[in-house]
Amino acid sequence: MAELTHTQAEEELSAYLDGELDPELKAAVEQHMDGCPSCRELLTQLRSTCTAVAGLGKATAPQDFVGKV
């Protein structure tokens, strides 16, 4: 695979974090991050966000919610 542009790498970070990339694209993202501190920082921020959201728990909708939508 050809080297990713910065924008392409940024666009793949969420999928990278979720383990959704094929091995070739995963390697290209990792190669980009090796030389890109801003993408490494963005990945750190995405991880923190995922951790925070996972800790929120489930919300319960009122029983009449569906009828009001």
C-alpha atoms as a PDB file:
ATOM      1  CA  MET A   1       0.000   0.000   0.000  1.00  0.00           C
ATOM      2  CA  ALA A   2       1.189   3.510  -0.742  1.00  0.00           C
ATOM      3  CA  GLU A   3       2.032   5.861   2.073  1.00  0.00           C
ATOM      4  CA  LEU A   4      -1.012   7.568   3.585  1.00  0.00           C
ATOM      5  CA  THR A   5      -1.460  11.303   3.606  1.00  0.00           C
ATOM      6  CA  HIS A   6      -2.005  12.969   6.955  1.00  0.00           C
ATOM      7  CA  THR A   7      -5.707  13.407   6.210  1.00  0.00           C
ATOM      8  CA  GLN A   8      -6.105   9.772   5.165  1.00  0.00           C
ATOM      9  CA  ALA A   9      -4.404   8.566   8.336  1.00  0.00           C
ATOM     10  CA  GLU A  10      -6.595  10.802  10.519  1.00  0.00           C
ATOM     11  CA  GLU A  11      -9.718   9.458   8.827  1.00  0.00           C
ATOM     12  CA  GLU A  12      -8.702   5.871   9.662  1.00  0.00           C
ATOM     13  CA  LEU A  13      -7.846   6.387  13.349  1.00  0.00           C
ATOM     14  CA  SER A  14     -11.281   5.474  14.694  1.00  0.00           C
ATOM     15  CA  ALA A  15     -11.375   2.275  12.639  1.00  0.00           C
ATOM     16  CA  TYR A  16      -7.782   1.579  13.730  1.00  0.00           C
ATOM     17  CA  LEU A  17      -8.775   1.936  17.362  1.00  0.00           C
ATOM     18  CA  ASP A  18     -11.758  -0.379  16.841  1.00  0.00           C
ATOM     19  CA  GLY A  19      -9.597  -3.038  15.143  1.00  0.00           C
ATOM     20  CA  GLU A  20     -11.534  -2.723  11.888  1.00  0.00           C
ATOM     21  CA  LEU A  21      -8.651  -2.183   9.447  1.00  0.00           C
ATOM     22  CA  ASP A  22      -7.219  -4.865   7.216  1.00  0.00           C
ATOM     23  CA  PRO A  23      -3.572  -5.685   7.979  1.00  0.00           C
ATOM     24  CA  GLU A  24      -2.195  -3.633   5.092  1.00  0.00           C
ATOM     25  CA  LEU A  25      -4.096  -0.470   6.018  1.00  0.00           C
ATOM     26  CA  LYS A  26      -3.354  -0.981   9.708  1.00  0.00           C
ATOM     27  CA  ALA A  27       0.366  -1.125   8.904  1.00  0.00           C
ATOM     28  CA  ALA A  28       0.098   2.054   6.800  1.00  0.00           C
ATOM     29  CA  VAL A  29      -1.625   3.914   9.657  1.00  0.00           C
ATOM     30  CA  GLU A  30       1.021   2.699  12.109  1.00  0.00           C
ATOM     31  CA  GLN A  31       3.784   3.773   9.748  1.00  0.00           C
ATOM     32  CA  HIS A  32       2.242   7.228   9.490  1.00  0.00           C
ATOM     33  CA  MET A  33       1.867   7.509  13.263  1.00  0.00           C
ATOM     34  CA  ASP A  34       5.530   6.608  13.745  1.00  0.00           C
ATOM     35  CA  GLY A  35       6.411   9.998  12.299  1.00  0.00           C
ATOM     36  CA  CYS A  36       3.337  12.037  13.206  1.00  0.00           C
ATOM     37  CA  PRO A  37       2.986  13.288  16.771  1.00  0.00           C
ATOM     38  CA  SER A  38      -0.375  14.931  16.034  1.00  0.00           C
ATOM     39  CA  CYS A  39      -1.930  11.625  14.909  1.00  0.00           C
ATOM     40  CA  ARG A  40      -0.515   9.860  17.952  1.00  0.00           C
ATOM     41  CA  GLU A  41      -2.060  12.562  20.154  1.00  0.00           C
ATOM     42  CA  LEU A  42      -5.388  12.292  18.334  1.00  0.00           C
ATOM     43  CA  LEU A  43      -5.366   8.517  18.867  1.00  0.00           C
ATOM     44  CA  THR A  44      -4.704   9.086  22.583  1.00  0.00           C
ATOM     45  CA  GLN A  45      -7.648  11.489  22.719  1.00  0.00           C
ATOM     46  CA  LEU A  46      -9.904   8.997  20.916  1.00  0.00           C
ATOM     47  CA  ARG A  47      -8.932   6.278  23.401  1.00  0.00           C
ATOM     48  CA  SER A  48      -9.718   8.606  26.311  1.00  0.00           C
ATOM     49  CA  THR A  49     -13.081   9.480  24.801  1.00  0.00           C
ATOM     50  CA  CYS A  50     -13.972   5.820  24.300  1.00  0.00           C
ATOM     51  CA  THR A  51     -13.030   5.050  27.895  1.00  0.00           C
ATOM     52  CA  ALA A  52     -15.120   7.955  29.193  1.00  0.00           C
ATOM     53  CA  VAL A  53     -18.149   6.997  27.112  1.00  0.00           C
ATOM     54  CA  ALA A  54     -17.887   3.341  28.136  1.00  0.00           C
ATOM     55  CA  GLY A  55     -18.015   4.415  31.774  1.00  0.00           C
ATOM     56  CA  LEU A  56     -21.316   6.264  31.372  1.00  0.00           C
ATOM     57  CA  GLY A  57     -23.499   3.180  31.511  1.00  0.00           C
ATOM     58  CA  LYS A  58     -26.857   2.729  29.847  1.00  0.00           C
ATOM     59  CA  ALA A  59     -29.604   5.295  29.981  1.00  0.00           C
ATOM     60  CA  THR A  60     -33.170   4.169  30.443  1.00  0.00           C
ATOM     61  CA  ALA A  61     -35.824   5.839  28.341  1.00  0.00           C
ATOM     62  CA  PRO A  62     -39.220   6.610  29.852  1.00  0.00           C
ATOM     63  CA  GLN A  63     -41.925   4.019  29.062  1.00  0.00           C
ATOM     64  CA  ASP A  64     -43.840   6.449  26.882  1.00  0.00           C
ATOM     65  CA  PHE A  65     -40.774   7.492  24.868  1.00  0.00           C
ATOM     66  CA  VAL A  66     -41.626   5.539  21.714  1.00  0.00           C
ATOM     67  CA  GLY A  67     -45.139   7.019  21.587  1.00  0.00           C
ATOM     68  CA  LYS A  68     -43.694  10.524  21.756  1.00  0.00           C
ATOM     69  CA  VAL A  69     -41.190  10.074  18.962  1.00  0.00           C
END
